[in-house]
PDB file of N, CA and C in Angstrom:
ATOM      1  N   MET A   1       6.420  -6.337 -13.941  1.00  0.00           N
ATOM      2  CA  MET A   1       7.451  -5.981 -13.145  1.00  0.00           C
ATOM      3  C   MET A   1       6.441  -5.616 -11.963  1.00  0.00           C
ATOM      4  N   SER A   2       6.781  -5.939 -10.721  1.00  0.00           N
ATOM      5  CA  SER A   2       5.983  -5.425  -9.864  1.00  0.00           C
ATOM      6  C   SER A   2       7.303  -5.201  -8.678  1.00  0.00           C
ATOM      7  N   MET A   3       6.360  -4.446  -7.683  1.00  0.00           N
ATOM      8  CA  MET A   3       7.139  -3.889  -6.572  1.00  0.00           C
ATOM      9  C   MET A   3       7.589  -5.002  -5.558  1.00  0.00           C
ATOM     10  N   VAL A   4       8.962  -5.000  -5.026  1.00  0.00           N
ATOM     11  CA  VAL A   4       9.526  -6.179  -4.017  1.00  0.00           C
ATOM     12  C   VAL A   4      10.146  -5.460  -3.152  1.00  0.00           C
ATOM     13  N   VAL A   5       9.767  -6.000  -1.743  1.00  0.00           N
ATOM     14  CA  VAL A   5      10.493  -5.895  -0.630  1.00  0.00           C
ATOM     15  C   VAL A   5      11.049  -6.867   0.056  1.00  0.00           C
ATOM     16  N   VAL A   6      12.101  -6.714   0.712  1.00  0.00           N
ATOM     17  CA  VAL A   6      12.424  -7.989   1.425  1.00  0.00           C
ATOM     18  C   VAL A   6      13.269  -7.454   2.581  1.00  0.00           C
ATOM     19  N   VAL A   7      13.014  -8.289   3.816  1.00  0.00           N
ATOM     20  CA  VAL A   7      13.522  -7.671   4.959  1.00  0.00           C
ATOM     21  C   VAL A   7      13.889  -9.011   5.165  1.00  0.00           C
ATOM     22  N   THR A   8      15.419  -8.685   5.840  1.00  0.00           N
ATOM     23  CA  THR A   8      16.343  -9.819   6.230  1.00  0.00           C
ATOM     24  C   THR A   8      16.989  -9.576   7.865  1.00  0.00           C
ATOM     25  N   GLU A   9      17.210 -10.639   8.561  1.00  0.00           N
ATOM     26  CA  GLU A   9      17.421 -10.198   9.975  1.00  0.00           C
ATOM     27  C   GLU A   9      18.465 -11.546   9.995  1.00  0.00           C
ATOM     28  N   ASN A  10      19.588 -10.953  10.418  1.00  0.00           N
ATOM     29  CA  ASN A  10      20.519 -11.828  11.121  1.00  0.00           C
ATOM     30  C   ASN A  10      21.107 -12.890   9.894  1.00  0.00           C
ATOM     31  N   VAL A  11      21.046 -12.515   8.599  1.00  0.00           N
ATOM     32  CA  VAL A  11      21.837 -13.028   7.340  1.00  0.00           C
ATOM     33  C   VAL A  11      23.188 -13.103   7.114  1.00  0.00           C
ATOM     34  N   PRO A  12      23.982 -13.805   6.359  1.00  0.00           N
ATOM     35  CA  PRO A  12      25.358 -13.458   6.294  1.00  0.00           C
ATOM     36  C   PRO A  12      25.628 -12.763   5.335  1.00  0.00           C
ATOM     37  N   PRO A  13      26.712 -11.858   5.213  1.00  0.00           N
ATOM     38  CA  PRO A  13      26.919 -10.695   4.462  1.00  0.00           C
ATOM     39  C   PRO A  13      27.096 -11.169   2.888  1.00  0.00           C
ATOM     40  N   ARG A  14      27.525 -12.453   2.807  1.00  0.00           N
ATOM     41  CA  ARG A  14      27.063 -13.013   1.307  1.00  0.00           C
ATOM     42  C   ARG A  14      25.562 -12.749   0.829  1.00  0.00           C
ATOM     43  N   LEU A  15      24.848 -13.161   1.474  1.00  0.00           N
ATOM     44  CA  LEU A  15      23.422 -12.799   0.742  1.00  0.00           C
ATOM     45  C   LEU A  15      23.418 -11.421   0.927  1.00  0.00           C
ATOM     46  N   ARG A  16      23.625 -10.705   1.884  1.00  0.00           N
ATOM     47  CA  ARG A  16      23.251  -9.034   1.888  1.00  0.00           C
ATOM     48  C   ARG A  16      23.820  -8.565   0.688  1.00  0.00           C
ATOM     49  N   GLY A  17      25.144  -8.985   0.138  1.00  0.00           N
ATOM     50  CA  GLY A  17      25.705  -8.381  -1.138  1.00  0.00           C
ATOM     51  C   GLY A  17      25.207  -8.818  -2.188  1.00  0.00           C
ATOM     52  N   ARG A  18      24.398 -10.369  -2.305  1.00  0.00           N
ATOM     53  CA  ARG A  18      23.780 -10.601  -3.405  1.00  0.00           C
ATOM     54  C   ARG A  18      22.510 -10.011  -3.312  1.00  0.00           C
ATOM     55  N   LEU A  19      21.845  -9.846  -2.506  1.00  0.00           N
ATOM     56  CA  LEU A  19      20.686  -8.968  -2.843  1.00  0.00           C
ATOM     57  C   LEU A  19      20.633  -7.506  -2.988  1.00  0.00           C
ATOM     58  N   ALA A  20      21.988  -7.075  -2.680  1.00  0.00           N
ATOM     59  CA  ALA A  20      22.205  -5.692  -3.237  1.00  0.00           C
ATOM     60  C   ALA A  20      22.598  -5.520  -5.054  1.00  0.00           C
ATOM     61  N   VAL A  21      22.784  -6.805  -5.586  1.00  0.00           N
ATOM     62  CA  VAL A  21      23.036  -6.577  -7.114  1.00  0.00           C
ATOM     63  C   VAL A  21      21.462  -6.474  -7.443  1.00  0.00           C
ATOM     64  N   TRP A  22      20.440  -7.064  -7.097  1.00  0.00           N
ATOM     65  CA  TRP A  22      19.180  -6.681  -8.012  1.00  0.00           C
ATOM     66  C   TRP A  22      18.118  -5.732  -6.991  1.00  0.00           C
ATOM     67  N   LEU A  23      18.615  -5.262  -6.054  1.00  0.00           N
ATOM     68  CA  LEU A  23      17.991  -4.563  -5.084  1.00  0.00           C
ATOM     69  C   LEU A  23      18.468  -3.429  -4.339  1.00  0.00           C
ATOM     70  N   LEU A  24      17.646  -2.238  -4.026  1.00  0.00           N
ATOM     71  CA  LEU A  24      18.485  -1.198  -3.256  1.00  0.00           C
ATOM     72  C   LEU A  24      18.202  -1.240  -1.795  1.00  0.00           C
ATOM     73  N   GLU A  25      19.093  -1.252  -1.070  1.00  0.00           N
ATOM     74  CA  GLU A  25      19.170  -1.379   0.329  1.00  0.00           C
ATOM     75  C   GLU A  25      18.899  -0.240   1.014  1.00  0.00           C
ATOM     76  N   VAL A  26      17.448   0.422   1.390  1.00  0.00           N
ATOM     77  CA  VAL A  26      17.117   1.574   1.563  1.00  0.00           C
ATOM     78  C   VAL A  26      17.511   1.910   3.176  1.00  0.00           C
ATOM     79  N   ARG A  27      17.591   0.312   4.058  1.00  0.00           N
ATOM     80  CA  ARG A  27      17.634   0.626   5.392  1.00  0.00           C
ATOM     81  C   ARG A  27      18.678  -0.704   5.678  1.00  0.00           C
ATOM     82  N   ALA A  28      19.322  -0.777   7.157  1.00  0.00           N
ATOM     83  CA  ALA A  28      19.889  -1.894   6.925  1.00  0.00           C
ATOM     84  C   ALA A  28      19.113  -3.122   7.160  1.00  0.00           C
ATOM     85  N   GLY A  29      19.208  -4.255   6.134  1.00  0.00           N
ATOM     86  CA  GLY A  29      18.321  -5.532   5.976  1.00  0.00           C
ATOM     87  C   GLY A  29      17.079  -5.041   5.136  1.00  0.00           C
ATOM     88  N   VAL A  30      16.759  -3.921   4.786  1.00  0.00           N
ATOM     89  CA  VAL A  30      15.881  -3.863   3.887  1.00  0.00           C
ATOM     90  C   VAL A  30      15.796  -3.199   2.451  1.00  0.00           C
ATOM     91  N   TYR A  31      15.374  -4.114   1.592  1.00  0.00           N
ATOM     92  CA  TYR A  31      15.736  -3.866   0.188  1.00  0.00           C
ATOM     93  C   TYR A  31      14.381  -3.810  -0.614  1.00  0.00           C
ATOM     94  N   VAL A  32      14.369  -2.919  -1.366  1.00  0.00           N
ATOM     95  CA  VAL A  32      13.257  -3.131  -2.498  1.00  0.00           C
ATOM     96  C   VAL A  32      13.658  -2.752  -3.856  1.00  0.00           C
ATOM     97  N   GLY A  33      12.838  -3.112  -4.632  1.00  0.00           N
ATOM     98  CA  GLY A  33      13.243  -2.959  -6.505  1.00  0.00           C
ATOM     99  C   GLY A  33      11.913  -3.257  -7.244  1.00  0.00           C
ATOM    100  N   ASP A  34      11.918  -3.278  -8.192  1.00  0.00           N
ATOM    101  CA  ASP A  34      10.866  -3.653  -9.226  1.00  0.00           C
ATOM    102  C   ASP A  34      11.605  -4.462 -10.108  1.00  0.00           C
ATOM    103  N   THR A  35      10.919  -5.641  -9.843  1.00  0.00           N
ATOM    104  CA  THR A  35      11.461  -6.786 -10.783  1.00  0.00           C
ATOM    105  C   THR A  35      10.350  -7.941 -11.530  1.00  0.00           C
ATOM    106  N   SER A  36      10.909  -8.625 -12.349  1.00  0.00           N
ATOM    107  CA  SER A  36       9.921  -9.563 -13.032  1.00  0.00           C
ATOM    108  C   SER A  36       9.643 -10.861 -12.009  1.00  0.00           C
ATOM    109  N   LYS A  37       8.545 -11.238 -12.034  1.00  0.00           N
ATOM    110  CA  LYS A  37       8.569 -12.814 -11.593  1.00  0.00           C
ATOM    111  C   LYS A  37       9.335 -13.725 -11.604  1.00  0.00           C
ATOM    112  N   ARG A  38      10.129 -13.789 -12.755  1.00  0.00           N
ATOM    113  CA  ARG A  38      11.568 -14.870 -12.828  1.00  0.00           C
ATOM    114  C   ARG A  38      12.368 -14.220 -11.880  1.00  0.00           C
ATOM    115  N   ILE A  39      12.663 -12.996 -12.023  1.00  0.00           N
ATOM    116  CA  ILE A  39      14.134 -12.488 -10.986  1.00  0.00           C
ATOM    117  C   ILE A  39      13.607 -12.595  -9.627  1.00  0.00           C
ATOM    118  N   ARG A  40      12.280 -12.323  -9.379  1.00  0.00           N
ATOM    119  CA  ARG A  40      11.848 -12.558  -7.608  1.00  0.00           C
ATOM    120  C   ARG A  40      12.013 -13.764  -7.407  1.00  0.00           C
ATOM    121  N   GLU A  41      11.695 -14.857  -8.369  1.00  0.00           N
ATOM    122  CA  GLU A  41      12.251 -16.305  -8.000  1.00  0.00           C
ATOM    123  C   GLU A  41      13.358 -16.821  -7.954  1.00  0.00           C
ATOM    124  N   MET A  42      14.026 -15.984  -8.729  1.00  0.00           N
ATOM    125  CA  MET A  42      15.672 -16.232  -8.474  1.00  0.00           C
ATOM    126  C   MET A  42      16.310 -15.928  -7.354  1.00  0.00           C
ATOM    127  N   ILE A  43      15.993 -14.560  -6.711  1.00  0.00           N
ATOM    128  CA  ILE A  43      16.206 -13.813  -5.583  1.00  0.00           C
ATOM    129  C   ILE A  43      15.643 -15.015  -4.285  1.00  0.00           C
ATOM    130  N   TRP A  44      14.494 -15.303  -4.459  1.00  0.00           N
ATOM    131  CA  TRP A  44      14.155 -16.402  -3.339  1.00  0.00           C
ATOM    132  C   TRP A  44      14.889 -17.699  -3.381  1.00  0.00           C
ATOM    133  N   GLN A  45      15.404 -18.087  -4.543  1.00  0.00           N
ATOM    134  CA  GLN A  45      16.249 -19.256  -4.320  1.00  0.00           C
ATOM    135  C   GLN A  45      17.709 -18.786  -3.892  1.00  0.00           C
ATOM    136  N   GLN A  46      18.075 -17.440  -4.104  1.00  0.00           N
ATOM    137  CA  GLN A  46      19.228 -17.286  -3.313  1.00  0.00           C
ATOM    138  C   GLN A  46      18.842 -17.189  -1.837  1.00  0.00           C
ATOM    139  N   ILE A  47      18.038 -16.467  -1.364  1.00  0.00           N
ATOM    140  CA  ILE A  47      17.536 -16.619   0.149  1.00  0.00           C
ATOM    141  C   ILE A  47      17.449 -17.783   0.730  1.00  0.00           C
ATOM    142  N   THR A  48      17.113 -18.861   0.201  1.00  0.00           N
ATOM    143  CA  THR A  48      17.093 -20.013   0.906  1.00  0.00           C
ATOM    144  C   THR A  48      18.313 -20.742   0.397  1.00  0.00           C
ATOM    145  N   GLN A  49      18.985 -20.499  -0.252  1.00  0.00           N
ATOM    146  CA  GLN A  49      20.436 -21.152  -0.747  1.00  0.00           C
ATOM    147  C   GLN A  49      21.390 -20.336   0.853  1.00  0.00           C
ATOM    148  N   LEU A  50      21.443 -19.205   0.557  1.00  0.00           N
ATOM    149  CA  LEU A  50      22.645 -18.353   1.425  1.00  0.00           C
ATOM    150  C   LEU A  50      21.866 -17.847   2.710  1.00  0.00           C
ATOM    151  N   GLY A  51      20.694 -18.135   3.002  1.00  0.00           N
ATOM    152  CA  GLY A  51      20.014 -17.646   4.438  1.00  0.00           C
ATOM    153  C   GLY A  51      20.886 -17.907   5.601  1.00  0.00           C
ATOM    154  N   GLY A  52      21.570 -18.862   5.711  1.00  0.00           N
ATOM    155  CA  GLY A  52      22.261 -19.355   6.782  1.00  0.00           C
ATOM    156  C   GLY A  52      20.943 -19.570   7.958  1.00  0.00           C
ATOM    157  N   VAL A  53      21.644 -18.948   9.359  1.00  0.00           N
ATOM    158  CA  VAL A  53      20.647 -18.974  10.573  1.00  0.00           C
ATOM    159  C   VAL A  53      19.610 -17.723  10.711  1.00  0.00           C
ATOM    160  N   GLY A  54      19.390 -17.029   9.756  1.00  0.00           N
ATOM    161  CA  GLY A  54      18.827 -15.688   9.815  1.00  0.00           C
ATOM    162  C   GLY A  54      17.330 -16.382   9.546  1.00  0.00           C
ATOM    163  N   ASN A  55      16.501 -14.841   9.193  1.00  0.00           N
ATOM    164  CA  ASN A  55      15.214 -15.153   8.678  1.00  0.00           C
ATOM    165  C   ASN A  55      14.880 -13.815   7.705  1.00  0.00           C
ATOM    166  N   VAL A  56      13.945 -14.372   7.069  1.00  0.00           N
ATOM    167  CA  VAL A  56      13.640 -13.295   5.346  1.00  0.00           C
ATOM    168  C   VAL A  56      12.258 -13.101   5.397  1.00  0.00           C
ATOM    169  N   VAL A  57      11.760 -12.053   5.012  1.00  0.00           N
ATOM    170  CA  VAL A  57      10.498 -12.395   4.241  1.00  0.00           C
ATOM    171  C   VAL A  57      10.319 -11.213   3.103  1.00  0.00           C
ATOM    172  N   MET A  58       9.463 -11.709   1.973  1.00  0.00           N
ATOM    173  CA  MET A  58       9.759 -11.101   0.851  1.00  0.00           C
ATOM    174  C   MET A  58       8.040 -10.715   0.467  1.00  0.00           C
ATOM    175  N   ALA A  59       7.801  -9.289   0.358  1.00  0.00           N
ATOM    176  CA  ALA A  59       6.318  -9.188  -0.064  1.00  0.00           C
ATOM    177  C   ALA A  59       6.677  -8.539  -1.262  1.00  0.00           C
ATOM    178  N   TRP A  60       5.466  -8.708  -2.329  1.00  0.00           N
ATOM    179  CA  TRP A  60       5.494  -8.370  -3.873  1.00  0.00           C
ATOM    180  C   TRP A  60       3.947  -7.852  -4.200  1.00  0.00           C
ATOM    181  N   ALA A  61       4.064  -6.892  -4.918  1.00  0.00           N
ATOM    182  CA  ALA A  61       2.635  -6.445  -5.321  1.00  0.00           C
ATOM    183  C   ALA A  61       1.869  -7.469  -6.402  1.00  0.00           C
ATOM    184  N   THR A  62       0.742  -7.663  -6.330  1.00  0.00           N
ATOM    185  CA  THR A  62       0.094  -8.727  -6.856  1.00  0.00           C
ATOM    186  C   THR A  62      -1.256  -8.102  -7.317  1.00  0.00           C
ATOM    187  N   ASN A  63      -2.136  -8.865  -8.330  1.00  0.00           N
ATOM    188  CA  ASN A  63      -3.509  -8.615  -8.661  1.00  0.00           C
ATOM    189  C   ASN A  63      -4.275  -9.159  -7.890  1.00  0.00           C
ATOM    190  N   THR A  64      -3.962  -9.020  -6.434  1.00  0.00           N
ATOM    191  CA  THR A  64      -5.270  -9.628  -5.770  1.00  0.00           C
ATOM    192  C   THR A  64      -6.101  -8.527  -4.896  1.00  0.00           C
ATOM    193  N   GLU A  65      -7.178  -9.326  -3.644  1.00  0.00           N
ATOM    194  CA  GLU A  65      -7.828  -8.392  -3.053  1.00  0.00           C
ATOM    195  C   GLU A  65      -7.135  -7.365  -2.206  1.00  0.00           C
ATOM    196  N   SER A  66      -6.122  -7.992  -1.583  1.00  0.00           N
ATOM    197  CA  SER A  66      -4.882  -7.300  -0.728  1.00  0.00           C
ATOM    198  C   SER A  66      -4.180  -6.538  -1.543  1.00  0.00           C
ATOM    199  N   GLY A  67      -3.610  -6.942  -2.654  1.00  0.00           N
ATOM    200  CA  GLY A  67      -2.984  -6.099  -3.201  1.00  0.00           C
ATOM    201  C   GLY A  67      -1.216  -6.685  -3.351  1.00  0.00           C
ATOM    202  N   PHE A  68      -1.173  -7.488  -2.368  1.00  0.00           N
ATOM    203  CA  PHE A  68       0.318  -8.269  -2.398  1.00  0.00           C
ATOM    204  C   PHE A  68       0.342  -9.503  -1.702  1.00  0.00           C
ATOM    205  N   GLU A  69       1.198 -10.032  -1.891  1.00  0.00           N
ATOM    206  CA  GLU A  69       1.363 -11.581  -1.266  1.00  0.00           C
ATOM    207  C   GLU A  69       2.709 -11.334  -0.719  1.00  0.00           C
ATOM    208  N   PHE A  70       3.205 -12.521   0.158  1.00  0.00           N
ATOM    209  CA  PHE A  70       4.386 -12.304   1.075  1.00  0.00           C
ATOM    210  C   PHE A  70       4.676 -14.058   0.925  1.00  0.00           C
ATOM    211  N   GLN A  71       5.996 -14.271   1.441  1.00  0.00           N
ATOM    212  CA  GLN A  71       6.482 -15.292   2.037  1.00  0.00           C
ATOM    213  C   GLN A  71       7.799 -15.126   2.952  1.00  0.00           C
ATOM    214  N   THR A  72       7.903 -16.050   3.630  1.00  0.00           N
ATOM    215  CA  THR A  72       8.936 -16.082   4.762  1.00  0.00           C
ATOM    216  C   THR A  72       9.716 -17.356   4.650  1.00  0.00           C
ATOM    217  N   TRP A  73      11.103 -17.133   5.335  1.00  0.00           N
ATOM    218  CA  TRP A  73      11.997 -18.192   5.342  1.00  0.00           C
ATOM    219  C   TRP A  73      13.037 -17.907   6.660  1.00  0.00           C
ATOM    220  N   GLY A  74      13.103 -19.116   7.322  1.00  0.00           N
ATOM    221  CA  GLY A  74      13.921 -18.876   8.465  1.00  0.00           C
ATOM    222  C   GLY A  74      13.038 -19.043   9.622  1.00  0.00           C
ATOM    223  N   GLU A  75      13.366 -19.034  11.187  1.00  0.00           N
ATOM    224  CA  GLU A  75      12.856 -19.036  11.921  1.00  0.00           C
ATOM    225  C   GLU A  75      12.076 -17.547  12.438  1.00  0.00           C
ATOM    226  N   ASN A  76      10.939 -17.159  12.357  1.00  0.00           N
ATOM    227  CA  ASN A  76      10.215 -15.980  12.551  1.00  0.00           C
ATOM    228  C   ASN A  76       9.738 -15.802  14.040  1.00  0.00           C
ATOM    229  N   ARG A  77       9.309 -14.899  14.668  1.00  0.00           N
ATOM    230  CA  ARG A  77       8.917 -14.670  15.915  1.00  0.00           C
ATOM    231  C   ARG A  77       7.344 -14.543  15.530  1.00  0.00           C
ATOM    232  N   ARG A  78       7.151 -14.140  14.572  1.00  0.00           N
ATOM    233  CA  ARG A  78       5.511 -14.052  14.293  1.00  0.00           C
ATOM    234  C   ARG A  78       5.448 -15.035  12.955  1.00  0.00           C
ATOM    235  N   ILE A  79       4.101 -15.603  13.484  1.00  0.00           N
ATOM    236  CA  ILE A  79       3.492 -16.705  12.359  1.00  0.00           C
ATOM    237  C   ILE A  79       2.356 -16.312  11.618  1.00  0.00           C
ATOM    238  N   PRO A  80       2.722 -16.202  10.404  1.00  0.00           N
ATOM    239  CA  PRO A  80       1.465 -15.699   9.315  1.00  0.00           C
ATOM    240  C   PRO A  80       0.326 -16.459   9.517  1.00  0.00           C
ATOM    241  N   VAL A  81      -0.390 -15.801   9.420  1.00  0.00           N
ATOM    242  CA  VAL A  81      -2.163 -16.677   9.830  1.00  0.00           C
ATOM    243  C   VAL A  81      -3.044 -16.131   8.662  1.00  0.00           C
ATOM    244  N   ASP A  82      -3.690 -17.011   8.206  1.00  0.00           N
ATOM    245  CA  ASP A  82      -4.565 -16.566   7.071  1.00  0.00           C
ATOM    246  C   ASP A  82      -6.100 -16.312   7.338  1.00  0.00           C
ATOM    247  N   LEU A  83      -6.573 -15.239   7.649  1.00  0.00           N
ATOM    248  CA  LEU A  83      -7.907 -14.934   8.132  1.00  0.00           C
ATOM    249  C   LEU A  83      -8.734 -14.903   6.949  1.00  0.00           C
ATOM    250  N   ASP A  84      -9.810 -15.589   6.903  1.00  0.00           N
ATOM    251  CA  ASP A  84     -10.913 -15.278   5.765  1.00  0.00           C
ATOM    252  C   ASP A  84     -12.249 -14.661   6.319  1.00  0.00           C
ATOM    253  N   GLY A  85     -12.880 -13.681   5.442  1.00  0.00           N
ATOM    254  CA  GLY A  85     -14.209 -13.512   5.962  1.00  0.00           C
ATOM    255  C   GLY A  85     -14.429 -11.952   6.714  1.00  0.00           C
TER     256      GLY A  85
END
């Protein structure tokens, strides 16, 4: 199990309700929880199917140098850049 944070913007109410089933909404559009990899992947599948015209970022704790990984869905104002060094 690992900590998961999901931040949504301009997504349909149906997706927000679906996220609230597995995660706690601590602020409008910000969800946190402690889930397994299988549940995290299931949540991501729901995001891609129900996201509409909005955008979403999901971050979770991992055993890497940075301690986390993330993925995005939808059109974001910020583009993730991978810098090495």
